[in-house]
Amino acid sequence: MNGITTQDWTVVVNDEEQYSVWAGDRDIPAGWRESGMRGTKEECLSHIDRVWTDMRPLSLRLAMDSAG
């Protein structure tokens, strides 16, 4: 394992609608915000798999939509 012993994780999302998991006992880094999902790391990763269906950053999706 990686040495992290906490079982409390949160899903974070940035302005480009990219998701990540973050240890619940750490401050959320600049540029990220909590998405509202908390749980075990596995639960959080499963949630990300369900909601993050388009891996392209938001700015790229918007540019492609306006070009099309």
PDB file of N, CA and C in Angstrom:
ATOM      1  N   MET A   1       0.842  -1.180   0.000  1.00  0.00           N
ATOM      2  CA  MET A   1       0.000   0.000   0.000  1.00  0.00           C
ATOM      3  C   MET A   1       0.887   1.242   0.000  1.00  0.00           C
ATOM      4  N   ASN A   2       0.241   2.384   0.005  1.00  0.00           N
ATOM      5  CA  ASN A   2       0.976   3.632  -0.116  1.00  0.00           C
ATOM      6  C   ASN A   2       1.179   4.342   1.211  1.00  0.00           C
ATOM      7  N   GLY A   3       0.808   3.733   2.327  1.00  0.00           N
ATOM      8  CA  GLY A   3       1.047   4.325   3.624  1.00  0.00           C
ATOM      9  C   GLY A   3      -0.083   5.182   4.152  1.00  0.00           C
ATOM     10  N   ILE A   4      -1.101   5.447   3.351  1.00  0.00           N
ATOM     11  CA  ILE A   4      -2.239   6.241   3.814  1.00  0.00           C
ATOM     12  C   ILE A   4      -3.189   5.318   4.561  1.00  0.00           C
ATOM     13  N   THR A   5      -3.483   5.667   5.813  1.00  0.00           N
ATOM     14  CA  THR A   5      -4.301   4.780   6.634  1.00  0.00           C
ATOM     15  C   THR A   5      -5.742   5.244   6.752  1.00  0.00           C
ATOM     16  N   THR A   6      -6.072   6.436   6.290  1.00  0.00           N
ATOM     17  CA  THR A   6      -7.431   6.945   6.433  1.00  0.00           C
ATOM     18  C   THR A   6      -8.408   6.143   5.579  1.00  0.00           C
ATOM     19  N   GLN A   7      -9.604   5.946   6.097  1.00  0.00           N
ATOM     20  CA  GLN A   7     -10.652   5.268   5.346  1.00  0.00           C
ATOM     21  C   GLN A   7     -11.669   6.263   4.800  1.00  0.00           C
ATOM     22  N   ASP A   8     -11.494   7.542   5.120  1.00  0.00           N
ATOM     23  CA  ASP A   8     -12.427   8.579   4.711  1.00  0.00           C
ATOM     24  C   ASP A   8     -11.864   9.316   3.502  1.00  0.00           C
ATOM     25  N   TRP A   9     -12.569   9.227   2.385  1.00  0.00           N
ATOM     26  CA  TRP A   9     -12.141   9.875   1.147  1.00  0.00           C
ATOM     27  C   TRP A   9     -13.271  10.742   0.630  1.00  0.00           C
ATOM     28  N   THR A  10     -12.932  11.699  -0.199  1.00  0.00           N
ATOM     29  CA  THR A  10     -13.939  12.542  -0.838  1.00  0.00           C
ATOM     30  C   THR A  10     -13.619  12.649  -2.321  1.00  0.00           C
ATOM     31  N   VAL A  11     -14.663  12.794  -3.126  1.00  0.00           N
ATOM     32  CA  VAL A  11     -14.478  13.024  -4.554  1.00  0.00           C
ATOM     33  C   VAL A  11     -14.385  14.527  -4.764  1.00  0.00           C
ATOM     34  N   VAL A  12     -13.365  14.942  -5.487  1.00  0.00           N
ATOM     35  CA  VAL A  12     -13.188  16.353  -5.805  1.00  0.00           C
ATOM     36  C   VAL A  12     -13.272  16.532  -7.317  1.00  0.00           C
ATOM     37  N   VAL A  13     -13.642  17.739  -7.725  1.00  0.00           N
ATOM     38  CA  VAL A  13     -13.782  18.066  -9.144  1.00  0.00           C
ATOM     39  C   VAL A  13     -13.210  19.461  -9.365  1.00  0.00           C
ATOM     40  N   ASN A  14     -12.620  19.674 -10.535  1.00  0.00           N
ATOM     41  CA  ASN A  14     -12.065  20.997 -10.828  1.00  0.00           C
ATOM     42  C   ASN A  14     -12.940  21.720 -11.848  1.00  0.00           C
ATOM     43  N   ASP A  15     -12.539  22.920 -12.245  1.00  0.00           N
ATOM     44  CA  ASP A  15     -13.336  23.726 -13.173  1.00  0.00           C
ATOM     45  C   ASP A  15     -13.421  23.118 -14.568  1.00  0.00           C
ATOM     46  N   GLU A  16     -12.541  22.196 -14.885  1.00  0.00           N
ATOM     47  CA  GLU A  16     -12.580  21.496 -16.170  1.00  0.00           C
ATOM     48  C   GLU A  16     -13.426  20.222 -16.089  1.00  0.00           C
ATOM     49  N   GLU A  17     -14.102  20.031 -14.956  1.00  0.00           N
ATOM     50  CA  GLU A  17     -14.950  18.863 -14.693  1.00  0.00           C
ATOM     51  C   GLU A  17     -14.160  17.560 -14.742  1.00  0.00           C
ATOM     52  N   GLN A  18     -12.924  17.609 -14.237  1.00  0.00           N
ATOM     53  CA  GLN A  18     -12.096  16.426 -14.065  1.00  0.00           C
ATOM     54  C   GLN A  18     -12.206  16.002 -12.603  1.00  0.00           C
ATOM     55  N   TYR A  19     -12.294  14.711 -12.358  1.00  0.00           N
ATOM     56  CA  TYR A  19     -12.534  14.176 -11.025  1.00  0.00           C
ATOM     57  C   TYR A  19     -11.291  13.511 -10.459  1.00  0.00           C
ATOM     58  N   SER A  20     -11.240  13.474  -9.129  1.00  0.00           N
ATOM     59  CA  SER A  20     -10.174  12.776  -8.423  1.00  0.00           C
ATOM     60  C   SER A  20     -10.682  12.413  -7.028  1.00  0.00           C
ATOM     61  N   VAL A  21      -9.944  11.543  -6.346  1.00  0.00           N
ATOM     62  CA  VAL A  21     -10.241  11.249  -4.944  1.00  0.00           C
ATOM     63  C   VAL A  21      -9.212  11.965  -4.091  1.00  0.00           C
ATOM     64  N   TRP A  22      -9.643  12.359  -2.904  1.00  0.00           N
ATOM     65  CA  TRP A  22      -8.767  13.098  -2.005  1.00  0.00           C
ATOM     66  C   TRP A  22      -9.004  12.589  -0.594  1.00  0.00           C
ATOM     67  N   ALA A  23      -7.932  12.403   0.145  1.00  0.00           N
ATOM     68  CA  ALA A  23      -8.047  11.938   1.530  1.00  0.00           C
ATOM     69  C   ALA A  23      -8.895  12.920   2.331  1.00  0.00           C
ATOM     70  N   GLY A  24      -9.878  12.404   3.061  1.00  0.00           N
ATOM     71  CA  GLY A  24     -10.833  13.229   3.778  1.00  0.00           C
ATOM     72  C   GLY A  24     -10.240  14.063   4.892  1.00  0.00           C
ATOM     73  N   ASP A  25      -9.061  13.689   5.372  1.00  0.00           N
ATOM     74  CA  ASP A  25      -8.452  14.443   6.468  1.00  0.00           C
ATOM     75  C   ASP A  25      -7.477  15.514   5.976  1.00  0.00           C
ATOM     76  N   ARG A  26      -7.453  15.758   4.679  1.00  0.00           N
ATOM     77  CA  ARG A  26      -6.553  16.768   4.105  1.00  0.00           C
ATOM     78  C   ARG A  26      -7.364  17.916   3.527  1.00  0.00           C
ATOM     79  N   ASP A  27      -6.777  19.101   3.518  1.00  0.00           N
ATOM     80  CA  ASP A  27      -7.427  20.256   2.907  1.00  0.00           C
ATOM     81  C   ASP A  27      -7.552  20.039   1.402  1.00  0.00           C
ATOM     82  N   ILE A  28      -8.673  20.483   0.842  1.00  0.00           N
ATOM     83  CA  ILE A  28      -8.879  20.383  -0.598  1.00  0.00           C
ATOM     84  C   ILE A  28      -7.894  21.340  -1.281  1.00  0.00           C
ATOM     85  N   PRO A  29      -7.177  20.865  -2.305  1.00  0.00           N
ATOM     86  CA  PRO A  29      -6.192  21.731  -2.956  1.00  0.00           C
ATOM     87  C   PRO A  29      -6.859  22.856  -3.753  1.00  0.00           C
ATOM     88  N   ALA A  30      -6.116  23.919  -3.969  1.00  0.00           N
ATOM     89  CA  ALA A  30      -6.608  25.050  -4.757  1.00  0.00           C
ATOM     90  C   ALA A  30      -7.018  24.572  -6.145  1.00  0.00           C
ATOM     91  N   GLY A  31      -8.122  25.100  -6.629  1.00  0.00           N
ATOM     92  CA  GLY A  31      -8.605  24.740  -7.954  1.00  0.00           C
ATOM     93  C   GLY A  31      -9.545  23.551  -7.969  1.00  0.00           C
ATOM     94  N   TRP A  32      -9.756  22.949  -6.816  1.00  0.00           N
ATOM     95  CA  TRP A  32     -10.640  21.791  -6.700  1.00  0.00           C
ATOM     96  C   TRP A  32     -11.725  22.098  -5.676  1.00  0.00           C
ATOM     97  N   ARG A  33     -12.855  21.406  -5.786  1.00  0.00           N
ATOM     98  CA  ARG A  33     -13.947  21.540  -4.819  1.00  0.00           C
ATOM     99  C   ARG A  33     -14.540  20.155  -4.578  1.00  0.00           C
ATOM    100  N   GLU A  34     -15.166  19.997  -3.423  1.00  0.00           N
ATOM    101  CA  GLU A  34     -15.824  18.728  -3.124  1.00  0.00           C
ATOM    102  C   GLU A  34     -17.043  18.558  -4.018  1.00  0.00           C
ATOM    103  N   SER A  35     -17.275  17.338  -4.462  1.00  0.00           N
ATOM    104  CA  SER A  35     -18.431  17.053  -5.316  1.00  0.00           C
ATOM    105  C   SER A  35     -19.650  16.637  -4.505  1.00  0.00           C
ATOM    106  N   GLY A  36     -19.430  16.299  -3.241  1.00  0.00           N
ATOM    107  CA  GLY A  36     -20.521  15.849  -2.386  1.00  0.00           C
ATOM    108  C   GLY A  36     -20.472  14.365  -2.063  1.00  0.00           C
ATOM    109  N   MET A  37     -19.589  13.625  -2.703  1.00  0.00           N
ATOM    110  CA  MET A  37     -19.463  12.186  -2.451  1.00  0.00           C
ATOM    111  C   MET A  37     -18.319  11.946  -1.483  1.00  0.00           C
ATOM    112  N   ARG A  38     -18.615  11.227  -0.390  1.00  0.00           N
ATOM    113  CA  ARG A  38     -17.601  10.813   0.579  1.00  0.00           C
ATOM    114  C   ARG A  38     -17.797   9.327   0.852  1.00  0.00           C
ATOM    115  N   GLY A  39     -16.723   8.646   1.176  1.00  0.00           N
ATOM    116  CA  GLY A  39     -16.810   7.226   1.497  1.00  0.00           C
ATOM    117  C   GLY A  39     -15.425   6.616   1.502  1.00  0.00           C
ATOM    118  N   THR A  40     -15.392   5.301   1.313  1.00  0.00           N
ATOM    119  CA  THR A  40     -14.100   4.631   1.188  1.00  0.00           C
ATOM    120  C   THR A  40     -13.502   5.003  -0.164  1.00  0.00           C
ATOM    121  N   LYS A  41     -12.234   4.739  -0.320  1.00  0.00           N
ATOM    122  CA  LYS A  41     -11.587   5.044  -1.596  1.00  0.00           C
ATOM    123  C   LYS A  41     -12.264   4.281  -2.729  1.00  0.00           C
ATOM    124  N   GLU A  42     -12.601   3.032  -2.484  1.00  0.00           N
ATOM    125  CA  GLU A  42     -13.244   2.213  -3.506  1.00  0.00           C
ATOM    126  C   GLU A  42     -14.621   2.767  -3.878  1.00  0.00           C
ATOM    127  N   GLU A  43     -15.397   3.207  -2.878  1.00  0.00           N
ATOM    128  CA  GLU A  43     -16.710   3.808  -3.154  1.00  0.00           C
ATOM    129  C   GLU A  43     -16.565   5.083  -3.975  1.00  0.00           C
ATOM    130  N   CYS A  44     -15.583   5.893  -3.629  1.00  0.00           N
ATOM    131  CA  CYS A  44     -15.360   7.144  -4.354  1.00  0.00           C
ATOM    132  C   CYS A  44     -14.926   6.875  -5.793  1.00  0.00           C
ATOM    133  N   LEU A  45     -14.039   5.909  -5.993  1.00  0.00           N
ATOM    134  CA  LEU A  45     -13.609   5.570  -7.346  1.00  0.00           C
ATOM    135  C   LEU A  45     -14.767   5.013  -8.168  1.00  0.00           C
ATOM    136  N   SER A  46     -15.618   4.220  -7.546  1.00  0.00           N
ATOM    137  CA  SER A  46     -16.799   3.694  -8.229  1.00  0.00           C
ATOM    138  C   SER A  46     -17.737   4.826  -8.645  1.00  0.00           C
ATOM    139  N   HIS A  47     -17.910   5.804  -7.765  1.00  0.00           N
ATOM    140  CA  HIS A  47     -18.742   6.967  -8.082  1.00  0.00           C
ATOM    141  C   HIS A  47     -18.166   7.718  -9.284  1.00  0.00           C
ATOM    142  N   ILE A  48     -16.862   7.918  -9.294  1.00  0.00           N
ATOM    143  CA  ILE A  48     -16.219   8.610 -10.418  1.00  0.00           C
ATOM    144  C   ILE A  48     -16.447   7.839 -11.713  1.00  0.00           C
ATOM    145  N   ASP A  49     -16.328   6.522 -11.667  1.00  0.00           N
ATOM    146  CA  ASP A  49     -16.576   5.706 -12.859  1.00  0.00           C
ATOM    147  C   ASP A  49     -17.982   5.921 -13.405  1.00  0.00           C
ATOM    148  N   ARG A  50     -18.947   6.130 -12.511  1.00  0.00           N
ATOM    149  CA  ARG A  50     -20.342   6.322 -12.937  1.00  0.00           C
ATOM    150  C   ARG A  50     -20.596   7.714 -13.503  1.00  0.00           C
ATOM    151  N   VAL A  51     -19.996   8.741 -12.911  1.00  0.00           N
ATOM    152  CA  VAL A  51     -20.361  10.111 -13.290  1.00  0.00           C
ATOM    153  C   VAL A  51     -19.423  10.757 -14.311  1.00  0.00           C
ATOM    154  N   TRP A  52     -18.188  10.303 -14.397  1.00  0.00           N
ATOM    155  CA  TRP A  52     -17.234  10.936 -15.311  1.00  0.00           C
ATOM    156  C   TRP A  52     -17.208  10.135 -16.602  1.00  0.00           C
ATOM    157  N   THR A  53     -18.178  10.409 -17.459  1.00  0.00           N
ATOM    158  CA  THR A  53     -18.361   9.609 -18.663  1.00  0.00           C
ATOM    159  C   THR A  53     -17.628  10.173 -19.876  1.00  0.00           C
ATOM    160  N   ASP A  54     -17.169  11.405 -19.802  1.00  0.00           N
ATOM    161  CA  ASP A  54     -16.431  12.027 -20.904  1.00  0.00           C
ATOM    162  C   ASP A  54     -15.140  12.595 -20.331  1.00  0.00           C
ATOM    163  N   MET A  55     -14.027  11.963 -20.648  1.00  0.00           N
ATOM    164  CA  MET A  55     -12.748  12.329 -20.053  1.00  0.00           C
ATOM    165  C   MET A  55     -12.174  13.640 -20.589  1.00  0.00           C
ATOM    166  N   ARG A  56     -12.757  14.171 -21.655  1.00  0.00           N
ATOM    167  CA  ARG A  56     -12.222  15.420 -22.204  1.00  0.00           C
ATOM    168  C   ARG A  56     -12.471  16.568 -21.229  1.00  0.00           C
ATOM    169  N   PRO A  57     -11.501  17.472 -21.081  1.00  0.00           N
ATOM    170  CA  PRO A  57     -11.728  18.647 -20.240  1.00  0.00           C
ATOM    171  C   PRO A  57     -12.898  19.470 -20.785  1.00  0.00           C
ATOM    172  N   LEU A  58     -13.588  20.178 -19.906  1.00  0.00           N
ATOM    173  CA  LEU A  58     -14.742  20.985 -20.287  1.00  0.00           C
ATOM    174  C   LEU A  58     -14.400  21.965 -21.402  1.00  0.00           C
ATOM    175  N   SER A  59     -13.255  22.627 -21.314  1.00  0.00           N
ATOM    176  CA  SER A  59     -12.892  23.614 -22.341  1.00  0.00           C
ATOM    177  C   SER A  59     -12.767  22.968 -23.720  1.00  0.00           C
ATOM    178  N   LEU A  60     -12.261  21.761 -23.795  1.00  0.00           N
ATOM    179  CA  LEU A  60     -12.149  21.055 -25.071  1.00  0.00           C
ATOM    180  C   LEU A  60     -13.528  20.667 -25.587  1.00  0.00           C
ATOM    181  N   ARG A  61     -14.386  20.165 -24.710  1.00  0.00           N
ATOM    182  CA  ARG A  61     -15.750  19.807 -25.133  1.00  0.00           C
ATOM    183  C   ARG A  61     -16.479  21.020 -25.691  1.00  0.00           C
ATOM    184  N   LEU A  62     -16.367  22.163 -25.009  1.00  0.00           N
ATOM    185  CA  LEU A  62     -17.036  23.380 -25.470  1.00  0.00           C
ATOM    186  C   LEU A  62     -16.468  23.851 -26.808  1.00  0.00           C
ATOM    187  N   ALA A  63     -15.153  23.793 -26.970  1.00  0.00           N
ATOM    188  CA  ALA A  63     -14.527  24.200 -28.232  1.00  0.00           C
ATOM    189  C   ALA A  63     -14.965  23.295 -29.372  1.00  0.00           C
ATOM    190  N   MET A  64     -15.031  22.003 -29.119  1.00  0.00           N
ATOM    191  CA  MET A  64     -15.446  21.066 -30.161  1.00  0.00           C
ATOM    192  C   MET A  64     -16.918  21.262 -30.514  1.00  0.00           C
ATOM    193  N   ASP A  65     -17.751  21.543 -29.517  1.00  0.00           N
ATOM    194  CA  ASP A  65     -19.173  21.775 -29.775  1.00  0.00           C
ATOM    195  C   ASP A  65     -19.384  23.032 -30.610  1.00  0.00           C
ATOM    196  N   SER A  66     -18.621  24.081 -30.342  1.00  0.00           N
ATOM    197  CA  SER A  66     -18.804  25.332 -31.079  1.00  0.00           C
ATOM    198  C   SER A  66     -18.208  25.253 -32.485  1.00  0.00           C
ATOM    199  N   ALA A  67     -17.251  24.361 -32.694  1.00  0.00           N
ATOM    200  CA  ALA A  67     -16.633  24.208 -34.014  1.00  0.00           C
ATOM    201  C   ALA A  67     -17.473  23.326 -34.930  1.00  0.00           C
ATOM    202  N   GLY A  68     -18.338  22.514 -34.337  1.00  0.00           N
ATOM    203  CA  GLY A  68     -19.078  21.515 -35.095  1.00  0.00           C
ATOM    204  C   GLY A  68     -20.290  22.018 -35.730  1.00  0.00           C
TER     205      GLY A  68
END
